[in-house]
Amino acid sequence: MQTAVLVGCGAMSDGWLSALRDVPELAAGIRLAGLVDLDLGTAKARAAKHNLDVATGTDLAAMLQDLKPDLVFDLVIPAARAQVVKTALAHGAHVLSEKPMANSLDEARDLITAAAQANRLHAVIQNRRFLPGIRRIKQALPLIGELTAVHVDFFIGAHFGGFRDQMEHVLLLDMAIHTFDAARWIIDRPATGVYARETNPKGSWYAHGASADALFDFEGGVTMTYRGSWCAEGANTAWEASWRIIGTEGTILWDGNEGITAHRVNGTEGFFRPLTPVDIPPAPPMVEGHAGVILDFLRAVETRSKPLTEGRDNIRSLAMVFAAIDSATTGAPTDMRPL
């Protein structure tokens, strides 16, 4: 059994703590030993809410020195992430972080180097890869021929309050990483460039960048379009967005929830070629969402293998975010090939 410390006891920690308790594989494989937060009262309140008999504190380094955990779960705000990850790695712990991986690509590269030097794993929560819909689409891609384009719409009126209301590039930096990472996993090749713009529409309750559009180019001529807004009231998409995946022989549509349909061309005559529905098999049994990422990370630690969302992979999704921000800021396309 692996011993863990969780740092950052805000509202998001409820989902993590529930997964550690309620998912049998996690409950059997991880023993939570401590909670750390800058506000000791917050850490104690979270322990009480989940009926946890664990150490609580405000000093991560001191707790790591005392408890010597195998794992650190990093749920802190992005500005504090690099220091938390490096502290945990320096104390011999493997680290699973919330997204985004870092506040800059240089910072992300530094964390990759730190993990390699410590001979420890650092992975990032990208829970869309652990959704049945994404898995079904991934395994169904050959049924629509050669992939040519992915189009994604994300429109939600989300009233968070708190730090997001004042963030710059709030949609691209805090949310689009999920969609970009999922799209990159589906496309399975590097992005080479992007042209993007940001706006903050009239009526937005965010300080900056609540809406964005981006056009990505990928190796092999595949393109991806992203349209999104966090201040679009009245007709929310799913949190997982709405997808159109186009191949040379057909198209898959996914509403982000349970609705997946696909058709492929079945004939060579007519203005519109005849189509045949494609049966997309169900996803194999899996632990979904955050719990799935945590379980994948746990298995990687136990087997000394590579987790699906390790930092060396996730930096390529983070690069899409920062390239889109750069393009939106300059008003010009951004070349991603130097990555």
C-alpha atoms as a PDB file:
ATOM      1  CA  MET A   1       0.000   0.000   0.000  1.00  0.00           C
ATOM      2  CA  GLN A   2       1.213   3.490  -0.917  1.00  0.00           C
ATOM      3  CA  THR A   3       1.132   6.309   1.664  1.00  0.00           C
ATOM      4  CA  ALA A   4      -0.044   9.720   0.448  1.00  0.00           C
ATOM      5  CA  VAL A   5      -0.243  13.352   1.498  1.00  0.00           C
ATOM      6  CA  LEU A   6      -2.727  15.711  -0.136  1.00  0.00           C
ATOM      7  CA  VAL A   7      -1.854  19.415  -0.380  1.00  0.00           C
ATOM      8  CA  GLY A   8      -4.479  22.029  -1.163  1.00  0.00           C
ATOM      9  CA  CYS A   9      -7.705  21.442   0.751  1.00  0.00           C
ATOM     10  CA  GLY A  10     -10.117  23.667  -1.126  1.00  0.00           C
ATOM     11  CA  ALA A  11     -13.440  22.555  -2.560  1.00  0.00           C
ATOM     12  CA  MET A  12     -11.782  20.442  -5.269  1.00  0.00           C
ATOM     13  CA  SER A  13     -10.292  18.160  -2.627  1.00  0.00           C
ATOM     14  CA  ASP A  14     -13.753  16.755  -1.867  1.00  0.00           C
ATOM     15  CA  GLY A  15     -13.771  14.849  -5.153  1.00  0.00           C
ATOM     16  CA  TRP A  16     -10.293  13.459  -4.574  1.00  0.00           C
ATOM     17  CA  LEU A  17     -11.024  12.376  -1.020  1.00  0.00           C
ATOM     18  CA  SER A  18     -14.299  10.765  -2.060  1.00  0.00           C
ATOM     19  CA  ALA A  19     -12.511   8.819  -4.804  1.00  0.00           C
ATOM     20  CA  LEU A  20      -9.806   7.628  -2.424  1.00  0.00           C
ATOM     21  CA  ARG A  21     -12.506   6.378  -0.069  1.00  0.00           C
ATOM     22  CA  ASP A  22     -15.160   5.057  -2.447  1.00  0.00           C
ATOM     23  CA  VAL A  23     -13.232   3.435  -5.305  1.00  0.00           C
ATOM     24  CA  PRO A  24     -12.230  -0.030  -4.057  1.00  0.00           C
ATOM     25  CA  GLU A  25      -8.937  -0.178  -5.959  1.00  0.00           C
ATOM     26  CA  LEU A  26      -7.870   3.175  -4.510  1.00  0.00           C
ATOM     27  CA  ALA A  27      -9.060   2.422  -0.992  1.00  0.00           C
ATOM     28  CA  ALA A  28      -7.057  -0.808  -1.070  1.00  0.00           C
ATOM     29  CA  GLY A  29      -3.935   0.736  -2.600  1.00  0.00           C
ATOM     30  CA  ILE A  30      -3.543   4.146  -0.951  1.00  0.00           C
ATOM     31  CA  ARG A  31      -3.440   5.161   2.705  1.00  0.00           C
ATOM     32  CA  LEU A  32      -3.930   8.895   3.163  1.00  0.00           C
ATOM     33  CA  ALA A  33      -1.622  10.078   5.942  1.00  0.00           C
ATOM     34  CA  GLY A  34      -1.858  13.863   5.860  1.00  0.00           C
ATOM     35  CA  LEU A  35      -3.576  17.013   4.620  1.00  0.00           C
ATOM     36  CA  VAL A  36      -1.741  20.289   4.034  1.00  0.00           C
ATOM     37  CA  ASP A  37      -3.178  23.736   3.419  1.00  0.00           C
ATOM     38  CA  LEU A  38      -2.005  27.293   3.992  1.00  0.00           C
ATOM     39  CA  ASP A  39      -5.044  27.630   6.270  1.00  0.00           C
ATOM     40  CA  LEU A  40      -4.822  25.019   9.008  1.00  0.00           C
ATOM     41  CA  GLY A  41      -8.536  25.384   9.708  1.00  0.00           C
ATOM     42  CA  THR A  42      -9.338  24.419   6.122  1.00  0.00           C
ATOM     43  CA  ALA A  43      -7.218  21.265   6.381  1.00  0.00           C
ATOM     44  CA  LYS A  44      -8.830  20.319   9.692  1.00  0.00           C
ATOM     45  CA  ALA A  45     -12.319  20.991   8.352  1.00  0.00           C
ATOM     46  CA  ARG A  46     -11.697  18.795   5.314  1.00  0.00           C
ATOM     47  CA  ALA A  47     -10.409  15.985   7.548  1.00  0.00           C
ATOM     48  CA  ALA A  48     -13.483  16.266   9.762  1.00  0.00           C
ATOM     49  CA  LYS A  49     -15.884  16.343   6.805  1.00  0.00           C
ATOM     50  CA  HIS A  50     -14.467  13.089   5.456  1.00  0.00           C
ATOM     51  CA  ASN A  51     -13.986  11.504   8.881  1.00  0.00           C
ATOM     52  CA  LEU A  52     -10.231  11.215   8.386  1.00  0.00           C
ATOM     53  CA  ASP A  53      -7.808  10.502  11.194  1.00  0.00           C
ATOM     54  CA  VAL A  54      -4.769  12.065   9.524  1.00  0.00           C
ATOM     55  CA  ALA A  55      -2.089  14.622  10.234  1.00  0.00           C
ATOM     56  CA  THR A  56      -2.948  18.206   9.285  1.00  0.00           C
ATOM     57  CA  GLY A  57      -0.591  21.112   8.808  1.00  0.00           C
ATOM     58  CA  THR A  58       0.498  24.182   6.874  1.00  0.00           C
ATOM     59  CA  ASP A  59       4.133  23.231   6.178  1.00  0.00           C
ATOM     60  CA  LEU A  60       4.415  20.710   3.348  1.00  0.00           C
ATOM     61  CA  ALA A  61       8.155  20.149   3.711  1.00  0.00           C
ATOM     62  CA  ALA A  62       7.835  19.459   7.428  1.00  0.00           C
ATOM     63  CA  MET A  63       5.019  16.977   6.890  1.00  0.00           C
ATOM     64  CA  LEU A  64       6.925  15.208   4.140  1.00  0.00           C
ATOM     65  CA  GLN A  65       9.982  14.999   6.361  1.00  0.00           C
ATOM     66  CA  ASP A  66       7.874  13.554   9.172  1.00  0.00           C
ATOM     67  CA  LEU A  67       5.622  11.150   7.251  1.00  0.00           C
ATOM     68  CA  LYS A  68       7.847  10.265   4.278  1.00  0.00           C
ATOM     69  CA  PRO A  69       4.903   9.477   1.970  1.00  0.00           C
ATOM     70  CA  ASP A  70       5.230   7.622  -1.315  1.00  0.00           C
ATOM     71  CA  LEU A  71       2.801   9.959  -3.086  1.00  0.00           C
ATOM     72  CA  VAL A  72       1.824  13.615  -2.997  1.00  0.00           C
ATOM     73  CA  PHE A  73      -1.483  14.782  -4.468  1.00  0.00           C
ATOM     74  CA  ASP A  74      -1.079  18.414  -5.547  1.00  0.00           C
ATOM     75  CA  LEU A  75      -4.318  20.432  -5.623  1.00  0.00           C
ATOM     76  CA  VAL A  76      -2.902  23.909  -5.068  1.00  0.00           C
ATOM     77  CA  ILE A  77      -3.571  26.968  -7.213  1.00  0.00           C
ATOM     78  CA  PRO A  78      -1.448  27.142 -10.389  1.00  0.00           C
ATOM     79  CA  ALA A  79       0.840  29.870  -9.038  1.00  0.00           C
ATOM     80  CA  ALA A  80       1.964  27.577  -6.208  1.00  0.00           C
ATOM     81  CA  ARG A  81       2.279  24.378  -8.243  1.00  0.00           C
ATOM     82  CA  ALA A  82       5.948  24.422  -9.194  1.00  0.00           C
ATOM     83  CA  GLN A  83       7.177  24.898  -5.636  1.00  0.00           C
ATOM     84  CA  VAL A  84       4.873  22.195  -4.287  1.00  0.00           C
ATOM     85  CA  VAL A  85       5.898  19.669  -6.964  1.00  0.00           C
ATOM     86  CA  LYS A  86       9.615  20.335  -6.537  1.00  0.00           C
ATOM     87  CA  THR A  87       9.337  20.101  -2.751  1.00  0.00           C
ATOM     88  CA  ALA A  88       7.549  16.768  -3.009  1.00  0.00           C
ATOM     89  CA  LEU A  89      10.031  15.370  -5.530  1.00  0.00           C
ATOM     90  CA  ALA A  90      12.937  16.488  -3.361  1.00  0.00           C
ATOM     91  CA  HIS A  91      11.458  14.450  -0.501  1.00  0.00           C
ATOM     92  CA  GLY A  92      11.265  11.319  -2.630  1.00  0.00           C
ATOM     93  CA  ALA A  93       7.543  11.350  -3.439  1.00  0.00           C
ATOM     94  CA  HIS A  94       5.830  10.687  -6.745  1.00  0.00           C
ATOM     95  CA  VAL A  95       3.458  13.562  -7.578  1.00  0.00           C
ATOM     96  CA  LEU A  96       0.041  13.747  -9.219  1.00  0.00           C
ATOM     97  CA  SER A  97      -0.975  17.355  -9.893  1.00  0.00           C
ATOM     98  CA  GLU A  98      -4.174  19.078 -10.821  1.00  0.00           C
ATOM     99  CA  LYS A  99      -4.056  20.943 -14.105  1.00  0.00           C
ATOM    100  CA  PRO A 100      -2.532  23.072 -15.477  1.00  0.00           C
ATOM    101  CA  MET A 101       0.863  21.415 -15.149  1.00  0.00           C
ATOM    102  CA  ALA A 102       2.649  24.766 -14.800  1.00  0.00           C
ATOM    103  CA  ASN A 103       2.311  28.501 -15.334  1.00  0.00           C
ATOM    104  CA  SER A 104       4.741  28.525 -18.277  1.00  0.00           C
ATOM    105  CA  LEU A 105       6.479  26.109 -20.617  1.00  0.00           C
ATOM    106  CA  ASP A 106       9.826  26.879 -19.013  1.00  0.00           C
ATOM    107  CA  GLU A 107       8.343  26.006 -15.631  1.00  0.00           C
ATOM    108  CA  ALA A 108       6.906  22.785 -17.072  1.00  0.00           C
ATOM    109  CA  ARG A 109      10.295  21.835 -18.531  1.00  0.00           C
ATOM    110  CA  ASP A 110      11.862  22.515 -15.133  1.00  0.00           C
ATOM    111  CA  LEU A 111       9.392  20.137 -13.470  1.00  0.00           C
ATOM    112  CA  ILE A 112      10.126  17.413 -16.041  1.00  0.00           C
ATOM    113  CA  THR A 113      13.831  17.793 -15.297  1.00  0.00           C
ATOM    114  CA  ALA A 114      13.216  17.732 -11.542  1.00  0.00           C
ATOM    115  CA  ALA A 115      11.169  14.522 -11.799  1.00  0.00           C
ATOM    116  CA  ALA A 116      13.845  12.849 -13.935  1.00  0.00           C
ATOM    117  CA  GLN A 117      16.621  13.871 -11.545  1.00  0.00           C
ATOM    118  CA  ALA A 118      14.628  12.589  -8.570  1.00  0.00           C
ATOM    119  CA  ASN A 119      13.770   9.352 -10.438  1.00  0.00           C
ATOM    120  CA  ARG A 120      10.123   9.925  -9.554  1.00  0.00           C
ATOM    121  CA  LEU A 121       6.916  10.226 -11.551  1.00  0.00           C
ATOM    122  CA  HIS A 122       5.081  13.488 -12.061  1.00  0.00           C
ATOM    123  CA  ALA A 123       1.696  13.229 -13.759  1.00  0.00           C
ATOM    124  CA  VAL A 124      -1.196  15.617 -14.317  1.00  0.00           C
ATOM    125  CA  ILE A 125      -4.944  15.197 -13.955  1.00  0.00           C
ATOM    126  CA  GLN A 126      -6.413  14.999 -17.466  1.00  0.00           C
ATOM    127  CA  ASN A 127      -9.618  13.223 -16.634  1.00  0.00           C
ATOM    128  CA  ARG A 128     -11.191  13.443 -20.093  1.00  0.00           C
ATOM    129  CA  ARG A 129      -8.916  10.606 -21.199  1.00  0.00           C
ATOM    130  CA  PHE A 130     -10.715   8.454 -18.645  1.00  0.00           C
ATOM    131  CA  LEU A 131     -14.251   8.953 -19.948  1.00  0.00           C
ATOM    132  CA  PRO A 132     -16.110   6.157 -21.760  1.00  0.00           C
ATOM    133  CA  GLY A 133     -17.064   8.514 -24.597  1.00  0.00           C
ATOM    134  CA  ILE A 134     -13.459   9.418 -25.380  1.00  0.00           C
ATOM    135  CA  ARG A 135     -12.390   5.778 -25.164  1.00  0.00           C
ATOM    136  CA  ARG A 136     -15.190   4.735 -27.534  1.00  0.00           C
ATOM    137  CA  ILE A 137     -14.225   7.415 -30.039  1.00  0.00           C
ATOM    138  CA  LYS A 138     -10.550   6.531 -29.817  1.00  0.00           C
ATOM    139  CA  GLN A 139     -11.191   2.873 -30.623  1.00  0.00           C
ATOM    140  CA  ALA A 140     -13.711   3.722 -33.373  1.00  0.00           C
ATOM    141  CA  LEU A 141     -11.477   6.050 -35.404  1.00  0.00           C
ATOM    142  CA  PRO A 142     -10.443   3.382 -37.956  1.00  0.00           C
ATOM    143  CA  LEU A 143     -14.127   2.953 -38.840  1.00  0.00           C
ATOM    144  CA  ILE A 144     -14.268   6.415 -40.460  1.00  0.00           C
ATOM    145  CA  GLY A 145     -11.087   6.155 -42.517  1.00  0.00           C
ATOM    146  CA  GLU A 146      -8.121   8.476 -42.111  1.00  0.00           C
ATOM    147  CA  LEU A 147      -8.686  11.303 -39.619  1.00  0.00           C
ATOM    148  CA  THR A 148      -8.785  14.758 -41.223  1.00  0.00           C
ATOM    149  CA  ALA A 149     -10.407  17.188 -38.777  1.00  0.00           C
ATOM    150  CA  VAL A 150     -11.734  17.585 -35.231  1.00  0.00           C
ATOM    151  CA  HIS A 151     -14.209  20.348 -34.353  1.00  0.00           C
ATOM    152  CA  VAL A 152     -15.062  21.125 -30.736  1.00  0.00           C
ATOM    153  CA  ASP A 153     -17.627  23.502 -29.195  1.00  0.00           C
ATOM    154  CA  PHE A 154     -17.618  24.388 -25.497  1.00  0.00           C
ATOM    155  CA  PHE A 155     -20.256  26.846 -24.260  1.00  0.00           C
ATOM    156  CA  ILE A 156     -21.115  27.069 -20.563  1.00  0.00           C
ATOM    157  CA  GLY A 157     -22.235  29.901 -18.300  1.00  0.00           C
ATOM    158  CA  ALA A 158     -20.101  29.047 -15.261  1.00  0.00           C
ATOM    159  CA  HIS A 159     -20.303  31.267 -12.173  1.00  0.00           C
ATOM    160  CA  PHE A 160     -17.371  30.101 -10.042  1.00  0.00           C
ATOM    161  CA  GLY A 161     -16.487  33.144  -8.015  1.00  0.00           C
ATOM    162  CA  GLY A 162     -13.026  33.152  -6.474  1.00  0.00           C
ATOM    163  CA  PHE A 163      -9.687  33.356  -8.273  1.00  0.00           C
ATOM    164  CA  ARG A 164     -11.019  32.487 -11.745  1.00  0.00           C
ATOM    165  CA  ASP A 165     -13.005  35.704 -11.895  1.00  0.00           C
ATOM    166  CA  GLN A 166      -9.756  37.696 -11.973  1.00  0.00           C
ATOM    167  CA  MET A 167      -7.556  35.363 -14.051  1.00  0.00           C
ATOM    168  CA  GLU A 168      -6.106  36.490 -17.338  1.00  0.00           C
ATOM    169  CA  HIS A 169      -6.850  34.110 -20.238  1.00  0.00           C
ATOM    170  CA  VAL A 170      -9.272  32.315 -17.938  1.00  0.00           C
ATOM    171  CA  LEU A 171     -10.895  30.049 -20.523  1.00  0.00           C
ATOM    172  CA  LEU A 172      -7.744  29.060 -22.386  1.00  0.00           C
ATOM    173  CA  LEU A 173      -5.561  28.677 -19.308  1.00  0.00           C
ATOM    174  CA  ASP A 174      -7.948  27.091 -16.848  1.00  0.00           C
ATOM    175  CA  MET A 175     -10.386  25.069 -18.968  1.00  0.00           C
ATOM    176  CA  ALA A 176      -9.321  24.621 -22.587  1.00  0.00           C
ATOM    177  CA  ILE A 177      -6.428  22.405 -21.507  1.00  0.00           C
ATOM    178  CA  HIS A 178      -8.985  19.594 -20.983  1.00  0.00           C
ATOM    179  CA  THR A 179     -10.335  19.875 -24.525  1.00  0.00           C
ATOM    180  CA  PHE A 180      -6.914  20.389 -26.098  1.00  0.00           C
ATOM    181  CA  ASP A 181      -5.507  17.356 -24.306  1.00  0.00           C
ATOM    182  CA  ALA A 182      -8.451  15.160 -25.272  1.00  0.00           C
ATOM    183  CA  ALA A 183      -8.215  16.286 -28.900  1.00  0.00           C
ATOM    184  CA  ARG A 184      -4.469  15.711 -28.991  1.00  0.00           C
ATOM    185  CA  TRP A 185      -4.969  12.207 -27.597  1.00  0.00           C
ATOM    186  CA  ILE A 186      -7.585  11.466 -30.261  1.00  0.00           C
ATOM    187  CA  ILE A 187      -5.492  12.927 -33.094  1.00  0.00           C
ATOM    188  CA  ASP A 188      -2.341  11.219 -31.778  1.00  0.00           C
ATOM    189  CA  ARG A 189       0.163  13.502 -33.417  1.00  0.00           C
ATOM    190  CA  PRO A 190       1.839  16.814 -32.480  1.00  0.00           C
ATOM    191  CA  ALA A 191       0.273  20.211 -33.039  1.00  0.00           C
ATOM    192  CA  THR A 192       2.418  22.381 -35.324  1.00  0.00           C
ATOM    193  CA  GLY A 193       0.735  25.772 -35.128  1.00  0.00           C
ATOM    194  CA  VAL A 194      -2.316  27.771 -34.038  1.00  0.00           C
ATOM    195  CA  TYR A 195      -4.203  30.944 -34.868  1.00  0.00           C
ATOM    196  CA  ALA A 196      -6.411  32.117 -31.996  1.00  0.00           C
ATOM    197  CA  ARG A 197      -8.313  35.055 -30.581  1.00  0.00           C
ATOM    198  CA  GLU A 198      -9.753  35.874 -27.174  1.00  0.00           C
ATOM    199  CA  THR A 199     -12.638  38.139 -26.241  1.00  0.00           C
ATOM    200  CA  ASN A 200     -14.432  39.075 -23.062  1.00  0.00           C
ATOM    201  CA  PRO A 201     -18.037  39.482 -24.225  1.00  0.00           C
ATOM    202  CA  LYS A 202     -20.435  42.103 -22.975  1.00  0.00           C
ATOM    203  CA  GLY A 203     -22.019  40.909 -19.755  1.00  0.00           C
ATOM    204  CA  SER A 204     -19.059  38.699 -18.839  1.00  0.00           C
ATOM    205  CA  TRP A 205     -18.480  38.322 -15.109  1.00  0.00           C
ATOM    206  CA  TYR A 206     -14.827  37.463 -15.724  1.00  0.00           C
ATOM    207  CA  ALA A 207     -12.024  40.023 -15.878  1.00  0.00           C
ATOM    208  CA  HIS A 208     -10.388  38.667 -19.023  1.00  0.00           C
ATOM    209  CA  GLY A 209     -10.616  36.127 -21.824  1.00  0.00           C
ATOM    210  CA  ALA A 210     -13.896  34.342 -21.067  1.00  0.00           C
ATOM    211  CA  SER A 211     -14.358  33.465 -24.749  1.00  0.00           C
ATOM    212  CA  ALA A 212     -11.898  32.095 -27.311  1.00  0.00           C
ATOM    213  CA  ASP A 213     -11.603  30.610 -30.777  1.00  0.00           C
ATOM    214  CA  ALA A 214      -8.605  28.634 -32.027  1.00  0.00           C
ATOM    215  CA  LEU A 215      -7.580  26.848 -35.215  1.00  0.00           C
ATOM    216  CA  PHE A 216      -4.800  24.285 -34.759  1.00  0.00           C
ATOM    217  CA  ASP A 217      -2.714  22.514 -37.374  1.00  0.00           C
ATOM    218  CA  PHE A 218      -1.316  19.047 -36.644  1.00  0.00           C
ATOM    219  CA  GLU A 219       1.267  16.939 -38.397  1.00  0.00           C
ATOM    220  CA  GLY A 220      -0.136  15.089 -41.384  1.00  0.00           C
ATOM    221  CA  GLY A 221      -2.573  17.829 -42.355  1.00  0.00           C
ATOM    222  CA  VAL A 222      -5.111  17.211 -39.566  1.00  0.00           C
ATOM    223  CA  THR A 223      -6.844  20.348 -38.281  1.00  0.00           C
ATOM    224  CA  MET A 224      -8.732  21.149 -35.087  1.00  0.00           C
ATOM    225  CA  THR A 225     -11.099  24.018 -34.397  1.00  0.00           C
ATOM    226  CA  TYR A 226     -12.100  25.120 -30.898  1.00  0.00           C
ATOM    227  CA  ARG A 227     -14.907  27.521 -30.075  1.00  0.00           C
ATOM    228  CA  GLY A 228     -15.537  28.202 -26.423  1.00  0.00           C
ATOM    229  CA  SER A 229     -17.034  30.502 -23.824  1.00  0.00           C
ATOM    230  CA  TRP A 230     -17.426  30.447 -20.059  1.00  0.00           C
ATOM    231  CA  CYS A 231     -20.004  33.221 -20.110  1.00  0.00           C
ATOM    232  CA  ALA A 232     -22.484  31.789 -22.627  1.00  0.00           C
ATOM    233  CA  GLU A 233     -25.853  31.612 -20.876  1.00  0.00           C
ATOM    234  CA  GLY A 234     -28.896  29.703 -22.030  1.00  0.00           C
ATOM    235  CA  ALA A 235     -27.718  26.570 -23.832  1.00  0.00           C
ATOM    236  CA  ASN A 236     -24.864  24.819 -22.093  1.00  0.00           C
ATOM    237  CA  THR A 237     -22.903  22.131 -23.853  1.00  0.00           C
ATOM    238  CA  ALA A 238     -21.593  19.261 -21.767  1.00  0.00           C
ATOM    239  CA  TRP A 239     -18.489  19.998 -19.696  1.00  0.00           C
ATOM    240  CA  GLU A 240     -16.765  17.595 -22.082  1.00  0.00           C
ATOM    241  CA  ALA A 241     -17.886  19.847 -24.996  1.00  0.00           C
ATOM    242  CA  SER A 242     -19.587  18.854 -28.259  1.00  0.00           C
ATOM    243  CA  TRP A 243     -17.473  17.078 -30.878  1.00  0.00           C
ATOM    244  CA  ARG A 244     -17.440  16.417 -34.634  1.00  0.00           C
ATOM    245  CA  ILE A 245     -14.641  14.051 -35.727  1.00  0.00           C
ATOM    246  CA  ILE A 246     -14.241  13.765 -39.499  1.00  0.00           C
ATOM    247  CA  GLY A 247     -12.437  11.068 -41.440  1.00  0.00           C
ATOM    248  CA  THR A 248     -11.978  10.354 -45.126  1.00  0.00           C
ATOM    249  CA  GLU A 249     -14.866   7.851 -45.025  1.00  0.00           C
ATOM    250  CA  GLY A 250     -17.245   9.178 -42.386  1.00  0.00           C
ATOM    251  CA  THR A 251     -17.945  11.246 -39.273  1.00  0.00           C
ATOM    252  CA  ILE A 252     -18.406  10.660 -35.538  1.00  0.00           C
ATOM    253  CA  LEU A 253     -20.591  13.022 -33.507  1.00  0.00           C
ATOM    254  CA  TRP A 254     -20.357  13.133 -29.702  1.00  0.00           C
ATOM    255  CA  ASP A 255     -22.490  15.367 -27.501  1.00  0.00           C
ATOM    256  CA  GLY A 256     -20.065  15.054 -24.583  1.00  0.00           C
ATOM    257  CA  ASN A 257     -22.501  12.918 -22.620  1.00  0.00           C
ATOM    258  CA  GLU A 258     -23.942   9.577 -23.690  1.00  0.00           C
ATOM    259  CA  GLY A 259     -24.828  10.508 -27.252  1.00  0.00           C
ATOM    260  CA  ILE A 260     -22.410   9.151 -29.851  1.00  0.00           C
ATOM    261  CA  THR A 261     -23.399   8.543 -33.464  1.00  0.00           C
ATOM    262  CA  ALA A 262     -21.331   7.734 -36.533  1.00  0.00           C
ATOM    263  CA  HIS A 263     -21.910   7.245 -40.247  1.00  0.00           C
ATOM    264  CA  ARG A 264     -19.614   6.211 -43.058  1.00  0.00           C
ATOM    265  CA  VAL A 265     -19.942   6.407 -46.820  1.00  0.00           C
ATOM    266  CA  ASN A 266     -21.334   3.276 -48.429  1.00  0.00           C
ATOM    267  CA  GLY A 267     -21.357   3.866 -52.175  1.00  0.00           C
ATOM    268  CA  THR A 268     -19.806   5.867 -54.987  1.00  0.00           C
ATOM    269  CA  GLU A 269     -22.813   7.451 -56.701  1.00  0.00           C
ATOM    270  CA  GLY A 270     -25.082  10.441 -56.062  1.00  0.00           C
ATOM    271  CA  PHE A 271     -24.722  14.095 -55.095  1.00  0.00           C
ATOM    272  CA  PHE A 272     -24.725  12.985 -51.463  1.00  0.00           C
ATOM    273  CA  ARG A 273     -23.148   9.580 -51.166  1.00  0.00           C
ATOM    274  CA  PRO A 274     -25.251   6.982 -49.325  1.00  0.00           C
ATOM    275  CA  LEU A 275     -24.358   6.512 -45.664  1.00  0.00           C
ATOM    276  CA  THR A 276     -24.408   3.572 -43.303  1.00  0.00           C
ATOM    277  CA  PRO A 277     -24.654   3.915 -39.518  1.00  0.00           C
ATOM    278  CA  VAL A 278     -21.522   2.764 -37.717  1.00  0.00           C
ATOM    279  CA  ASP A 279     -21.894   0.677 -34.593  1.00  0.00           C
ATOM    280  CA  ILE A 280     -19.417   2.017 -32.028  1.00  0.00           C
ATOM    281  CA  PRO A 281     -18.630  -0.644 -29.418  1.00  0.00           C
ATOM    282  CA  PRO A 282     -18.975   0.221 -25.729  1.00  0.00           C
ATOM    283  CA  ALA A 283     -15.892   1.208 -23.805  1.00  0.00           C
ATOM    284  CA  PRO A 284     -14.178  -1.556 -21.872  1.00  0.00           C
ATOM    285  CA  PRO A 285     -14.822  -1.584 -18.120  1.00  0.00           C
ATOM    286  CA  MET A 286     -12.895   1.261 -16.522  1.00  0.00           C
ATOM    287  CA  VAL A 287     -12.660   3.562 -13.536  1.00  0.00           C
ATOM    288  CA  GLU A 288     -13.740   6.948 -14.846  1.00  0.00           C
ATOM    289  CA  GLY A 289     -12.709  10.569 -14.402  1.00  0.00           C
ATOM    290  CA  HIS A 290     -10.435  11.759 -11.615  1.00  0.00           C
ATOM    291  CA  ALA A 291     -10.501   8.345  -9.968  1.00  0.00           C
ATOM    292  CA  GLY A 292      -9.332   6.769 -13.218  1.00  0.00           C
ATOM    293  CA  VAL A 293      -6.357   9.121 -13.441  1.00  0.00           C
ATOM    294  CA  ILE A 294      -5.438   8.443  -9.802  1.00  0.00           C
ATOM    295  CA  LEU A 295      -5.688   4.687 -10.340  1.00  0.00           C
ATOM    296  CA  ASP A 296      -3.580   4.865 -13.517  1.00  0.00           C
ATOM    297  CA  PHE A 297      -0.981   6.860 -11.564  1.00  0.00           C
ATOM    298  CA  LEU A 298      -1.033   4.362  -8.691  1.00  0.00           C
ATOM    299  CA  ARG A 299      -0.506   1.425 -11.068  1.00  0.00           C
ATOM    300  CA  ALA A 300       2.356   3.255 -12.776  1.00  0.00           C
ATOM    301  CA  VAL A 301       4.057   3.828  -9.413  1.00  0.00           C
ATOM    302  CA  GLU A 302       3.594   0.191  -8.419  1.00  0.00           C
ATOM    303  CA  THR A 303       4.858  -1.205 -11.715  1.00  0.00           C
ATOM    304  CA  ARG A 304       7.440   1.511 -12.461  1.00  0.00           C
ATOM    305  CA  SER A 305       5.703   2.149 -15.776  1.00  0.00           C
ATOM    306  CA  LYS A 306       4.584   5.335 -17.558  1.00  0.00           C
ATOM    307  CA  PRO A 307       1.243   6.879 -16.541  1.00  0.00           C
ATOM    308  CA  LEU A 308      -1.003   8.020 -19.374  1.00  0.00           C
ATOM    309  CA  THR A 309      -0.880  11.645 -18.233  1.00  0.00           C
ATOM    310  CA  GLU A 310       2.767  12.019 -17.223  1.00  0.00           C
ATOM    311  CA  GLY A 311       4.362  15.440 -17.429  1.00  0.00           C
ATOM    312  CA  ARG A 312       6.527  14.592 -20.454  1.00  0.00           C
ATOM    313  CA  ASP A 313       3.316  14.011 -22.400  1.00  0.00           C
ATOM    314  CA  ASN A 314       1.174  16.716 -20.811  1.00  0.00           C
ATOM    315  CA  ILE A 315       3.601  19.483 -21.690  1.00  0.00           C
ATOM    316  CA  ARG A 316       2.466  19.094 -25.305  1.00  0.00           C
ATOM    317  CA  SER A 317      -1.117  19.890 -24.309  1.00  0.00           C
ATOM    318  CA  LEU A 318       0.087  22.787 -22.161  1.00  0.00           C
ATOM    319  CA  ALA A 319       2.047  24.024 -25.170  1.00  0.00           C
ATOM    320  CA  MET A 320      -1.215  24.213 -27.120  1.00  0.00           C
ATOM    321  CA  VAL A 321      -2.647  26.461 -24.412  1.00  0.00           C
ATOM    322  CA  PHE A 322       0.296  28.838 -24.314  1.00  0.00           C
ATOM    323  CA  ALA A 323       0.588  28.916 -28.096  1.00  0.00           C
ATOM    324  CA  ALA A 324      -3.099  29.851 -28.341  1.00  0.00           C
ATOM    325  CA  ILE A 325      -2.605  32.573 -25.730  1.00  0.00           C
ATOM    326  CA  ASP A 326       0.436  33.869 -27.614  1.00  0.00           C
ATOM    327  CA  SER A 327      -1.497  33.981 -30.879  1.00  0.00           C
ATOM    328  CA  ALA A 328      -4.476  35.688 -29.263  1.00  0.00           C
ATOM    329  CA  THR A 329      -2.160  38.253 -27.683  1.00  0.00           C
ATOM    330  CA  THR A 330      -0.145  39.033 -30.818  1.00  0.00           C
ATOM    331  CA  GLY A 331      -2.956  38.652 -33.323  1.00  0.00           C
ATOM    332  CA  ALA A 332      -0.753  36.414 -35.454  1.00  0.00           C
ATOM    333  CA  PRO A 333      -0.354  32.642 -35.908  1.00  0.00           C
ATOM    334  CA  THR A 334       2.031  30.907 -33.524  1.00  0.00           C
ATOM    335  CA  ASP A 335       4.425  28.256 -34.808  1.00  0.00           C
ATOM    336  CA  MET A 336       4.576  25.315 -32.378  1.00  0.00           C
ATOM    337  CA  ARG A 337       7.222  23.274 -34.185  1.00  0.00           C
ATOM    338  CA  PRO A 338      10.126  24.566 -32.035  1.00  0.00           C
ATOM    339  CA  LEU A 339       8.676  22.590 -29.085  1.00  0.00           C
END
